C-alpha atoms as a PDB file:
ATOM      1  CA  UNK A   1       7.449-153.215   2.507  1.00  0.00           C
ATOM      2  CA  UNK A   2       9.707-154.248  -0.269  1.00  0.00           C
ATOM      3  CA  UNK A   3      12.096-155.709   2.288  1.00  0.00           C
ATOM      4  CA  UNK A   4       9.386-157.958   3.604  1.00  0.00           C
ATOM      5  CA  UNK A   5       8.326-158.963   0.175  1.00  0.00           C
ATOM      6  CA  UNK A   6      11.853-160.149  -0.700  1.00  0.00           C
ATOM      7  CA  UNK A   7      12.151-161.811   2.639  1.00  0.00           C
ATOM      8  CA  UNK A   8       9.052-163.959   1.997  1.00  0.00           C
ATOM      9  CA  UNK A   9      10.224-164.734  -1.622  1.00  0.00           C
ATOM     10  CA  UNK A  10      13.648-165.930  -0.513  1.00  0.00           C
ATOM     11  CA  UNK A  11      12.132-167.899   2.371  1.00  0.00           C
ATOM     12  CA  UNK A  12       9.947-169.542  -0.246  1.00  0.00           C
ATOM     13  CA  UNK A  13      12.912-170.396  -2.232  1.00  0.00           C
ATOM     14  CA  UNK A  14      14.616-171.588   0.840  1.00  0.00           C
ATOM     15  CA  UNK A  15      11.706-173.959   1.462  1.00  0.00           C
ATOM     16  CA  UNK A  16      11.714-175.522  -1.952  1.00  0.00           C
ATOM     17  CA  UNK A  17      15.324-176.444  -1.828  1.00  0.00           C
ATOM     18  CA  UNK A  18      14.872-177.612   1.705  1.00  0.00           C
ATOM     19  CA  UNK A  19      12.092-179.854   0.573  1.00  0.00           C
ATOM     20  CA  UNK A  20      14.263-181.342  -2.207  1.00  0.00           C
ATOM     21  CA  UNK A  21      16.926-182.034   0.436  1.00  0.00           C
ATOM     22  CA  UNK A  22      14.571-183.734   2.751  1.00  0.00           C
ATOM     23  CA  UNK A  23      13.056-186.060   0.123  1.00  0.00           C
ATOM     24  CA  UNK A  24      16.325-187.033  -1.364  1.00  0.00           C
ATOM     25  CA  UNK A  25      18.290-187.548   1.860  1.00  0.00           C
ATOM     26  CA  UNK A  26      15.228-189.622   3.224  1.00  0.00           C
ATOM     27  CA  UNK A  27      15.952-192.145   0.414  1.00  0.00           C
ATOM     28  CA  UNK A  28      19.791-192.095   0.591  1.00  0.00           C
ATOM     29  CA  UNK A  29      19.979-194.513   3.473  1.00  0.00           C
ATOM     30  CA  UNK A  30      16.971-196.691   3.338  1.00  0.00           C
ATOM     31  CA  UNK A  31      18.872-199.775   3.438  1.00  0.00           C
ATOM     32  CA  UNK A  32      20.926-198.986   6.494  1.00  0.00           C
ATOM     33  CA  UNK A  33      19.796-201.074   9.400  1.00  0.00           C
ATOM     34  CA  UNK A  34      17.710-199.203  11.720  1.00  0.00           C
ATOM     35  CA  UNK A  35      20.006-199.795  14.852  1.00  0.00           C
ATOM     36  CA  UNK A  36      22.834-198.128  12.824  1.00  0.00           C
ATOM     37  CA  UNK A  37      21.072-194.829  12.525  1.00  0.00           C
ATOM     38  CA  UNK A  38      23.271-192.968  15.056  1.00  0.00           C
ATOM     39  CA  UNK A  39      26.686-194.612  14.173  1.00  0.00           C
ATOM     40  CA  UNK A  40      29.824-194.180  12.063  1.00  0.00           C
ATOM     41  CA  UNK A  41      28.023-196.827   9.674  1.00  0.00           C
ATOM     42  CA  UNK A  42      25.543-194.311   8.907  1.00  0.00           C
ATOM     43  CA  UNK A  43      28.229-191.582   8.312  1.00  0.00           C
ATOM     44  CA  UNK A  44      30.411-193.804   6.066  1.00  0.00           C
ATOM     45  CA  UNK A  45      27.196-194.790   3.966  1.00  0.00           C
ATOM     46  CA  UNK A  46      26.340-190.988   3.607  1.00  0.00           C
ATOM     47  CA  UNK A  47      29.882-189.997   2.376  1.00  0.00           C
ATOM     48  CA  UNK A  48      29.857-192.822  -0.183  1.00  0.00           C
ATOM     49  CA  UNK A  49      26.637-192.018  -1.886  1.00  0.00           C
ATOM     50  CA  UNK A  50      26.327-189.289  -4.575  1.00  0.00           C
ATOM     51  CA  UNK A  51      22.494-189.252  -3.871  1.00  0.00           C
ATOM     52  CA  UNK A  52      23.191-187.884  -0.463  1.00  0.00           C
ATOM     53  CA  UNK A  53      25.588-185.365  -1.526  1.00  0.00           C
ATOM     54  CA  UNK A  54      22.995-184.139  -3.969  1.00  0.00           C
ATOM     55  CA  UNK A  55      20.432-183.818  -1.390  1.00  0.00           C
ATOM     56  CA  UNK A  56      22.826-182.087   0.964  1.00  0.00           C
ATOM     57  CA  UNK A  57      23.708-179.570  -1.814  1.00  0.00           C
ATOM     58  CA  UNK A  58      20.053-178.736  -2.193  1.00  0.00           C
ATOM     59  CA  UNK A  59      19.683-178.292   1.688  1.00  0.00           C
ATOM     60  CA  UNK A  60      22.914-176.030   1.752  1.00  0.00           C
ATOM     61  CA  UNK A  61      21.221-173.939  -1.230  1.00  0.00           C
ATOM     62  CA  UNK A  62      18.031-173.718   0.954  1.00  0.00           C
ATOM     63  CA  UNK A  63      20.075-172.321   3.874  1.00  0.00           C
ATOM     64  CA  UNK A  64      21.751-169.867   1.522  1.00  0.00           C
ATOM     65  CA  UNK A  65      18.224-168.496   0.551  1.00  0.00           C
ATOM     66  CA  UNK A  66      17.234-168.595   4.452  1.00  0.00           C
ATOM     67  CA  UNK A  67      20.277-166.374   5.211  1.00  0.00           C
ATOM     68  CA  UNK A  68      19.280-163.913   2.236  1.00  0.00           C
ATOM     69  CA  UNK A  69      15.652-163.806   3.641  1.00  0.00           C
ATOM     70  CA  UNK A  70      16.943-163.092   7.162  1.00  0.00           C
ATOM     71  CA  UNK A  71      18.923-160.317   5.575  1.00  0.00           C
ATOM     72  CA  UNK A  72      15.711-158.583   4.591  1.00  0.00           C
ATOM     73  CA  UNK A  73      13.294-159.588   7.157  1.00  0.00           C
ATOM     74  CA  UNK A  74      12.891-160.619  10.879  1.00  0.00           C
ATOM     75  CA  UNK A  75      13.035-164.241  12.383  1.00  0.00           C
ATOM     76  CA  UNK A  76       9.273-163.753  13.217  1.00  0.00           C
ATOM     77  CA  UNK A  77       8.414-163.331   9.542  1.00  0.00           C
ATOM     78  CA  UNK A  78      10.798-165.544   7.885  1.00  0.00           C
ATOM     79  CA  UNK A  79      10.957-168.715   9.938  1.00  0.00           C
ATOM     80  CA  UNK A  80       7.289-169.697   9.873  1.00  0.00           C
ATOM     81  CA  UNK A  81       7.204-169.451   6.036  1.00  0.00           C
ATOM     82  CA  UNK A  82       9.824-172.298   6.003  1.00  0.00           C
ATOM     83  CA  UNK A  83       7.314-174.630   7.177  1.00  0.00           C
ATOM     84  CA  UNK A  84       5.967-174.533   3.588  1.00  0.00           C
ATOM     85  CA  UNK A  85       8.694-177.024   2.869  1.00  0.00           C
ATOM     86  CA  UNK A  86       6.156-179.868   3.284  1.00  0.00           C
ATOM     87  CA  UNK A  87       4.042-178.258   0.613  1.00  0.00           C
ATOM     88  CA  UNK A  88       6.813-178.856  -1.932  1.00  0.00           C
ATOM     89  CA  UNK A  89       8.048-182.139  -0.479  1.00  0.00           C
ATOM     90  CA  UNK A  90       4.696-183.697  -0.937  1.00  0.00           C
ATOM     91  CA  UNK A  91       4.394-183.802  -4.709  1.00  0.00           C
ATOM     92  CA  UNK A  92       8.047-184.293  -5.227  1.00  0.00           C
ATOM     93  CA  UNK A  93       8.141-187.302  -2.913  1.00  0.00           C
ATOM     94  CA  UNK A  94       5.162-188.636  -4.687  1.00  0.00           C
ATOM     95  CA  UNK A  95       6.530-187.992  -7.992  1.00  0.00           C
ATOM     96  CA  UNK A  96       9.660-189.933  -7.169  1.00  0.00           C
ATOM     97  CA  UNK A  97       7.815-192.935  -5.664  1.00  0.00           C
ATOM     98  CA  UNK A  98       5.384-193.186  -8.489  1.00  0.00           C
ATOM     99  CA  UNK A  99       2.308-192.589  -6.478  1.00  0.00           C
ATOM    100  CA  UNK A 100      -0.618-190.143  -6.357  1.00  0.00           C
ATOM    101  CA  UNK A 101      -1.129-187.403  -3.765  1.00  0.00           C
ATOM    102  CA  UNK A 102      -4.281-188.330  -2.013  1.00  0.00           C
ATOM    103  CA  UNK A 103      -7.272-186.010  -1.644  1.00  0.00           C
ATOM    104  CA  UNK A 104      -6.710-185.573   2.126  1.00  0.00           C
ATOM    105  CA  UNK A 105      -3.048-184.551   1.497  1.00  0.00           C
ATOM    106  CA  UNK A 106      -4.176-181.959  -0.940  1.00  0.00           C
ATOM    107  CA  UNK A 107      -6.759-180.599   1.667  1.00  0.00           C
ATOM    108  CA  UNK A 108      -4.042-180.433   4.265  1.00  0.00           C
ATOM    109  CA  UNK A 109      -1.747-178.728   1.723  1.00  0.00           C
ATOM    110  CA  UNK A 110      -4.505-176.070   0.859  1.00  0.00           C
ATOM    111  CA  UNK A 111      -5.103-175.376   4.572  1.00  0.00           C
ATOM    112  CA  UNK A 112      -1.271-174.824   5.241  1.00  0.00           C
ATOM    113  CA  UNK A 113      -1.219-172.466   2.107  1.00  0.00           C
ATOM    114  CA  UNK A 114      -4.062-170.386   3.413  1.00  0.00           C
ATOM    115  CA  UNK A 115      -2.675-170.296   6.898  1.00  0.00           C
ATOM    116  CA  UNK A 116       0.690-169.196   5.560  1.00  0.00           C
ATOM    117  CA  UNK A 117      -0.925-166.555   3.432  1.00  0.00           C
ATOM    118  CA  UNK A 118      -2.823-165.233   6.478  1.00  0.00           C
ATOM    119  CA  UNK A 119       0.242-165.231   8.527  1.00  0.00           C
ATOM    120  CA  UNK A 120       2.464-163.237   5.921  1.00  0.00           C
ATOM    121  CA  UNK A 121      -0.412-160.682   5.297  1.00  0.00           C
ATOM    122  CA  UNK A 122      -0.975-159.934   8.913  1.00  0.00           C
ATOM    123  CA  UNK A 123       2.629-160.346  10.403  1.00  0.00           C
ATOM    124  CA  UNK A 124       4.294-156.914  10.933  1.00  0.00           C
ATOM    125  CA  UNK A 125       7.400-157.771  12.826  1.00  0.00           C
ATOM    126  CA  UNK A 126       9.594-154.853  14.025  1.00  0.00           C
ATOM    127  CA  UNK A 127      13.232-154.888  13.997  1.00  0.00           C
ATOM    128  CA  UNK A 128      15.250-155.851  17.194  1.00  0.00           C
ATOM    129  CA  UNK A 129      18.763-155.171  18.590  1.00  0.00           C
ATOM    130  CA  UNK A 130      21.082-157.291  16.759  1.00  0.00           C
ATOM    131  CA  UNK A 131      24.204-155.932  18.475  1.00  0.00           C
ATOM    132  CA  UNK A 132      24.260-158.902  20.556  1.00  0.00           C
ATOM    133  CA  UNK A 133      27.185-159.299  23.145  1.00  0.00           C
ATOM    134  CA  UNK A 134      29.509-162.188  22.625  1.00  0.00           C
ATOM    135  CA  UNK A 135      28.811-163.509  26.068  1.00  0.00           C
ATOM    136  CA  UNK A 136      25.128-163.772  25.388  1.00  0.00           C
ATOM    137  CA  UNK A 137      25.964-165.556  21.932  1.00  0.00           C
ATOM    138  CA  UNK A 138      28.149-168.026  23.758  1.00  0.00           C
ATOM    139  CA  UNK A 139      25.504-168.549  26.568  1.00  0.00           C
ATOM    140  CA  UNK A 140      22.855-169.344  24.003  1.00  0.00           C
ATOM    141  CA  UNK A 141      25.162-171.838  22.232  1.00  0.00           C
ATOM    142  CA  UNK A 142      26.240-173.605  25.354  1.00  0.00           C
ATOM    143  CA  UNK A 143      22.742-174.027  26.593  1.00  0.00           C
ATOM    144  CA  UNK A 144      21.616-175.327  23.365  1.00  0.00           C
ATOM    145  CA  UNK A 145      24.571-177.729  23.209  1.00  0.00           C
ATOM    146  CA  UNK A 146      23.818-179.072  26.632  1.00  0.00           C
ATOM    147  CA  UNK A 147      20.128-179.603  25.907  1.00  0.00           C
ATOM    148  CA  UNK A 148      20.952-181.164  22.419  1.00  0.00           C
ATOM    149  CA  UNK A 149      23.522-183.623  24.044  1.00  0.00           C
ATOM    150  CA  UNK A 150      20.860-184.939  26.402  1.00  0.00           C
ATOM    151  CA  UNK A 151      18.425-185.515  23.748  1.00  0.00           C
ATOM    152  CA  UNK A 152      20.915-187.249  21.672  1.00  0.00           C
ATOM    153  CA  UNK A 153      22.110-189.487  24.597  1.00  0.00           C
ATOM    154  CA  UNK A 154      18.396-190.387  25.293  1.00  0.00           C
ATOM    155  CA  UNK A 155      17.956-191.154  21.592  1.00  0.00           C
ATOM    156  CA  UNK A 156      20.838-193.447  21.535  1.00  0.00           C
ATOM    157  CA  UNK A 157      19.195-195.546  24.389  1.00  0.00           C
ATOM    158  CA  UNK A 158      15.829-195.531  22.557  1.00  0.00           C
ATOM    159  CA  UNK A 159      14.332-197.174  19.475  1.00  0.00           C
ATOM    160  CA  UNK A 160      11.720-196.565  16.720  1.00  0.00           C
ATOM    161  CA  UNK A 161       9.544-193.484  17.143  1.00  0.00           C
ATOM    162  CA  UNK A 162      10.953-192.524  20.385  1.00  0.00           C
ATOM    163  CA  UNK A 163      14.400-192.179  18.840  1.00  0.00           C
ATOM    164  CA  UNK A 164      13.061-190.271  15.896  1.00  0.00           C
ATOM    165  CA  UNK A 165      11.332-187.868  18.222  1.00  0.00           C
ATOM    166  CA  UNK A 166      14.208-187.270  20.439  1.00  0.00           C
ATOM    167  CA  UNK A 167      16.631-186.611  17.430  1.00  0.00           C
ATOM    168  CA  UNK A 168      13.969-184.340  15.756  1.00  0.00           C
ATOM    169  CA  UNK A 169      13.699-182.194  18.937  1.00  0.00           C
ATOM    170  CA  UNK A 170      17.473-181.931  19.025  1.00  0.00           C
ATOM    171  CA  UNK A 171      17.650-180.924  15.264  1.00  0.00           C
ATOM    172  CA  UNK A 172      14.844-178.446  15.697  1.00  0.00           C
ATOM    173  CA  UNK A 173      16.464-176.833  18.602  1.00  0.00           C
ATOM    174  CA  UNK A 174      19.884-176.656  16.884  1.00  0.00           C
ATOM    175  CA  UNK A 175      18.313-175.245  13.610  1.00  0.00           C
ATOM    176  CA  UNK A 176      16.245-172.669  15.533  1.00  0.00           C
ATOM    177  CA  UNK A 177      19.580-171.397  17.148  1.00  0.00           C
ATOM    178  CA  UNK A 178      21.251-171.606  13.828  1.00  0.00           C
ATOM    179  CA  UNK A 179      18.632-169.202  12.373  1.00  0.00           C
ATOM    180  CA  UNK A 180      19.170-166.748  15.251  1.00  0.00           C
ATOM    181  CA  UNK A 181      23.037-166.708  14.809  1.00  0.00           C
ATOM    182  CA  UNK A 182      22.318-166.428  11.084  1.00  0.00           C
ATOM    183  CA  UNK A 183      20.322-163.254  11.680  1.00  0.00           C
ATOM    184  CA  UNK A 184      23.079-161.715  13.699  1.00  0.00           C
ATOM    185  CA  UNK A 185      25.618-162.533  11.031  1.00  0.00           C
ATOM    186  CA  UNK A 186      23.424-161.028   8.238  1.00  0.00           C
ATOM    187  CA  UNK A 187      22.776-157.954  10.190  1.00  0.00           C
ATOM    188  CA  UNK A 188      26.678-157.363  10.287  1.00  0.00           C
ATOM    189  CA  UNK A 189      26.811-158.092   6.517  1.00  0.00           C
ATOM    190  CA  UNK A 190      24.153-155.577   5.883  1.00  0.00           C
ATOM    191  CA  UNK A 191      26.305-153.074   7.919  1.00  0.00           C
ATOM    192  CA  UNK A 192      29.128-153.650   5.450  1.00  0.00           C
ATOM    193  CA  UNK A 193      31.404-154.624   8.345  1.00  0.00           C
ATOM    194  CA  UNK A 194      33.718-157.432   6.945  1.00  0.00           C
ATOM    195  CA  UNK A 195      35.995-157.446   9.976  1.00  0.00           C
ATOM    196  CA  UNK A 196      33.084-157.696  12.427  1.00  0.00           C
ATOM    197  CA  UNK A 197      31.424-160.717  10.255  1.00  0.00           C
ATOM    198  CA  UNK A 198      34.742-162.773  10.512  1.00  0.00           C
ATOM    199  CA  UNK A 199      35.519-161.877  14.056  1.00  0.00           C
ATOM    200  CA  UNK A 200      32.145-162.588  15.536  1.00  0.00           C
ATOM    201  CA  UNK A 201      31.786-166.084  17.117  1.00  0.00           C
ATOM    202  CA  UNK A 202      28.232-166.376  15.562  1.00  0.00           C
ATOM    203  CA  UNK A 203      29.657-167.051  12.081  1.00  0.00           C
ATOM    204  CA  UNK A 204      31.636-170.038  13.321  1.00  0.00           C
ATOM    205  CA  UNK A 205      28.904-171.431  15.569  1.00  0.00           C
ATOM    206  CA  UNK A 206      26.649-171.296  12.572  1.00  0.00           C
ATOM    207  CA  UNK A 207      29.050-173.537  10.517  1.00  0.00           C
ATOM    208  CA  UNK A 208      29.710-175.901  13.616  1.00  0.00           C
ATOM    209  CA  UNK A 209      26.081-176.248  14.540  1.00  0.00           C
ATOM    210  CA  UNK A 210      24.908-176.501  11.004  1.00  0.00           C
ATOM    211  CA  UNK A 211      27.103-179.514  10.130  1.00  0.00           C
ATOM    212  CA  UNK A 212      26.188-181.445  13.551  1.00  0.00           C
ATOM    213  CA  UNK A 213      22.572-180.680  12.874  1.00  0.00           C
ATOM    214  CA  UNK A 214      22.511-181.954   9.304  1.00  0.00           C
ATOM    215  CA  UNK A 215      24.063-185.104  10.424  1.00  0.00           C
ATOM    216  CA  UNK A 216      21.613-185.686  13.380  1.00  0.00           C
ATOM    217  CA  UNK A 217      18.881-184.670  10.889  1.00  0.00           C
ATOM    218  CA  UNK A 218      19.809-187.644   8.651  1.00  0.00           C
ATOM    219  CA  UNK A 219      19.826-189.972  11.620  1.00  0.00           C
ATOM    220  CA  UNK A 220      16.306-188.640  12.526  1.00  0.00           C
ATOM    221  CA  UNK A 221      14.993-189.426   9.029  1.00  0.00           C
ATOM    222  CA  UNK A 222      16.406-192.892   9.286  1.00  0.00           C
ATOM    223  CA  UNK A 223      15.257-193.615  12.911  1.00  0.00           C
ATOM    224  CA  UNK A 224      11.809-194.529  11.838  1.00  0.00           C
ATOM    225  CA  UNK A 225       8.398-193.027  12.515  1.00  0.00           C
ATOM    226  CA  UNK A 226       9.080-190.236   9.959  1.00  0.00           C
ATOM    227  CA  UNK A 227       5.637-188.996  10.388  1.00  0.00           C
ATOM    228  CA  UNK A 228       6.788-187.686  13.684  1.00  0.00           C
ATOM    229  CA  UNK A 229      10.288-186.651  13.142  1.00  0.00           C
ATOM    230  CA  UNK A 230       9.896-184.306   9.960  1.00  0.00           C
ATOM    231  CA  UNK A 231       6.792-182.169  11.352  1.00  0.00           C
ATOM    232  CA  UNK A 232       8.650-181.930  14.709  1.00  0.00           C
ATOM    233  CA  UNK A 233      11.697-180.488  13.177  1.00  0.00           C
ATOM    234  CA  UNK A 234       9.692-178.130  10.896  1.00  0.00           C
ATOM    235  CA  UNK A 235       7.513-176.956  13.795  1.00  0.00           C
ATOM    236  CA  UNK A 236      10.000-176.872  16.485  1.00  0.00           C
ATOM    237  CA  UNK A 237      12.703-174.765  14.511  1.00  0.00           C
ATOM    238  CA  UNK A 238      10.404-171.612  14.022  1.00  0.00           C
ATOM    239  CA  UNK A 239       9.183-171.841  17.487  1.00  0.00           C
ATOM    240  CA  UNK A 240      12.764-171.861  18.985  1.00  0.00           C
ATOM    241  CA  UNK A 241      13.840-169.172  16.474  1.00  0.00           C
ATOM    242  CA  UNK A 242      10.910-166.926  17.281  1.00  0.00           C
ATOM    243  CA  UNK A 243      11.268-167.334  21.021  1.00  0.00           C
ATOM    244  CA  UNK A 244      14.964-166.500  20.929  1.00  0.00           C
ATOM    245  CA  UNK A 245      14.301-163.623  18.589  1.00  0.00           C
ATOM    246  CA  UNK A 246      11.997-162.159  20.934  1.00  0.00           C
ATOM    247  CA  UNK A 247      13.796-162.730  24.146  1.00  0.00           C
ATOM    248  CA  UNK A 248      17.476-162.280  22.766  1.00  0.00           C
ATOM    249  CA  UNK A 249      17.166-159.879  19.979  1.00  0.00           C
ATOM    250  CA  UNK A 250      14.062-158.087  20.965  1.00  0.00           C
ATOM    251  CA  UNK A 251      11.883-158.557  17.898  1.00  0.00           C
ATOM    252  CA  UNK A 252       8.052-158.392  18.333  1.00  0.00           C
ATOM    253  CA  UNK A 253       4.860-158.102  16.082  1.00  0.00           C
ATOM    254  CA  UNK A 254       2.809-154.928  15.582  1.00  0.00           C
ATOM    255  CA  UNK A 255      -0.566-156.318  15.662  1.00  0.00           C
ATOM    256  CA  UNK A 256      -4.019-154.561  16.718  1.00  0.00           C
ATOM    257  CA  UNK A 257      -7.620-155.387  16.994  1.00  0.00           C
ATOM    258  CA  UNK A 258      -8.634-158.919  15.840  1.00  0.00           C
ATOM    259  CA  UNK A 259      -5.209-159.600  14.383  1.00  0.00           C
ATOM    260  CA  UNK A 260      -3.922-161.525  17.295  1.00  0.00           C
ATOM    261  CA  UNK A 261      -6.885-164.016  17.179  1.00  0.00           C
ATOM    262  CA  UNK A 262      -6.350-164.382  13.399  1.00  0.00           C
ATOM    263  CA  UNK A 263      -2.732-164.993  13.736  1.00  0.00           C
ATOM    264  CA  UNK A 264      -3.243-167.400  16.460  1.00  0.00           C
ATOM    265  CA  UNK A 265      -5.603-169.414  14.396  1.00  0.00           C
ATOM    266  CA  UNK A 266      -3.335-169.289  11.325  1.00  0.00           C
ATOM    267  CA  UNK A 267      -0.450-170.546  13.500  1.00  0.00           C
ATOM    268  CA  UNK A 268      -2.413-173.397  14.852  1.00  0.00           C
ATOM    269  CA  UNK A 269      -3.610-174.289  11.434  1.00  0.00           C
ATOM    270  CA  UNK A 270      -0.133-174.396  10.112  1.00  0.00           C
ATOM    271  CA  UNK A 271       0.915-176.713  13.041  1.00  0.00           C
ATOM    272  CA  UNK A 272      -1.991-179.043  12.392  1.00  0.00           C
ATOM    273  CA  UNK A 273      -1.454-179.165   8.610  1.00  0.00           C
ATOM    274  CA  UNK A 274       2.353-179.750   9.026  1.00  0.00           C
ATOM    275  CA  UNK A 275       1.858-182.637  11.382  1.00  0.00           C
ATOM    276  CA  UNK A 276      -0.904-184.320   9.220  1.00  0.00           C
ATOM    277  CA  UNK A 277       1.105-184.002   6.166  1.00  0.00           C
ATOM    278  CA  UNK A 278       4.205-185.297   7.895  1.00  0.00           C
ATOM    279  CA  UNK A 279       2.305-188.230   9.214  1.00  0.00           C
ATOM    280  CA  UNK A 280       0.842-189.264   5.755  1.00  0.00           C
ATOM    281  CA  UNK A 281       4.356-188.935   4.104  1.00  0.00           C
ATOM    282  CA  UNK A 282       6.162-190.629   7.019  1.00  0.00           C
ATOM    283  CA  UNK A 283       3.714-193.590   6.889  1.00  0.00           C
ATOM    284  CA  UNK A 284       4.359-194.101   3.228  1.00  0.00           C
ATOM    285  CA  UNK A 285       8.177-193.782   3.688  1.00  0.00           C
ATOM    286  CA  UNK A 286       8.116-196.458   6.497  1.00  0.00           C
ATOM    287  CA  UNK A 287       6.099-198.797   4.014  1.00  0.00           C
ATOM    288  CA  UNK A 288       8.662-198.169   1.357  1.00  0.00           C
ATOM    289  CA  UNK A 289      11.596-198.704   3.726  1.00  0.00           C
ATOM    290  CA  UNK A 290       9.893-202.105   4.638  1.00  0.00           C
ATOM    291  CA  UNK A 291       9.845-203.105   0.939  1.00  0.00           C
ATOM    292  CA  UNK A 292      13.496-202.118   0.579  1.00  0.00           C
ATOM    293  CA  UNK A 293      14.387-204.406   3.611  1.00  0.00           C
ATOM    294  CA  UNK A 294      12.513-207.303   2.232  1.00  0.00           C
ATOM    295  CA  UNK A 295      14.168-207.145  -1.154  1.00  0.00           C
ATOM    296  CA  UNK A 296      17.609-207.001   0.639  1.00  0.00           C
ATOM    297  CA  UNK A 297      16.630-210.059   2.683  1.00  0.00           C
ATOM    298  CA  UNK A 298      15.411-211.785  -0.330  1.00  0.00           C
ATOM    299  CA  UNK A 299      18.520-211.113  -2.286  1.00  0.00           C
ATOM    300  CA  UNK A 300      20.710-212.416   0.480  1.00  0.00           C
ATOM    301  CA  UNK A 301      18.667-215.558   0.641  1.00  0.00           C
ATOM    302  CA  UNK A 302      18.679-216.219  -3.051  1.00  0.00           C
END
């Protein structure tokens, strides 16, 4: 019970830092042309801006807390809690933009909070088998890379909301796989086997996939239709992680009676609230980006 409590606490800390990273990095490249969202122009712009580095540092801190959470709890418990990042991103984004959170946004936030509470109270996940063969780890990584490559290629040939959705799907899949690999690494850390930690391919796959996913995430933030990209990432990541945790690691929930119905309703409410909050926030972000674009054109004209 104590382990699950610490897992939830660290997961909430991860959500806070992830929220800060999302909000800050969304604003770091608003003046980059939309067609340059997946290009070296975007990368050079990111590397030159202190704001993006601050947002990235917050995202890294969020990942560190996520790893700690996975050290105490299962993927089935930790990953859905990370959806609460939108609860923290909402007021922070409003504060930075000098606007008020609407009544509808607060109602969706309350629904998300209630659904998360029900999920945490009822979710009793059993531990799985984390001694995963190297071959299985590599197969998961290769399949993930192939799928992500297809989505990214399709994104480069698309525009506006389609590009945002395709990139968000790629990011959600990658971060879901990263979560599973992180769980494997943290299991080795808990066993105290330093040699096994540094010799497992899971550790190096986490680093590689994490960097690529972060860059693709920034491109998705910038691609337009943020009301679609952000919720897609936040919902798809736990779905991929939970499915892989069940299929690859053997995790499962111990629920009885009416608990499956309550959990199903809670998960549906979490998804609906996340999509609604992301849509509201994304609509405002697009308006803000349009204003930045108009000011840039006006400056050039003058």
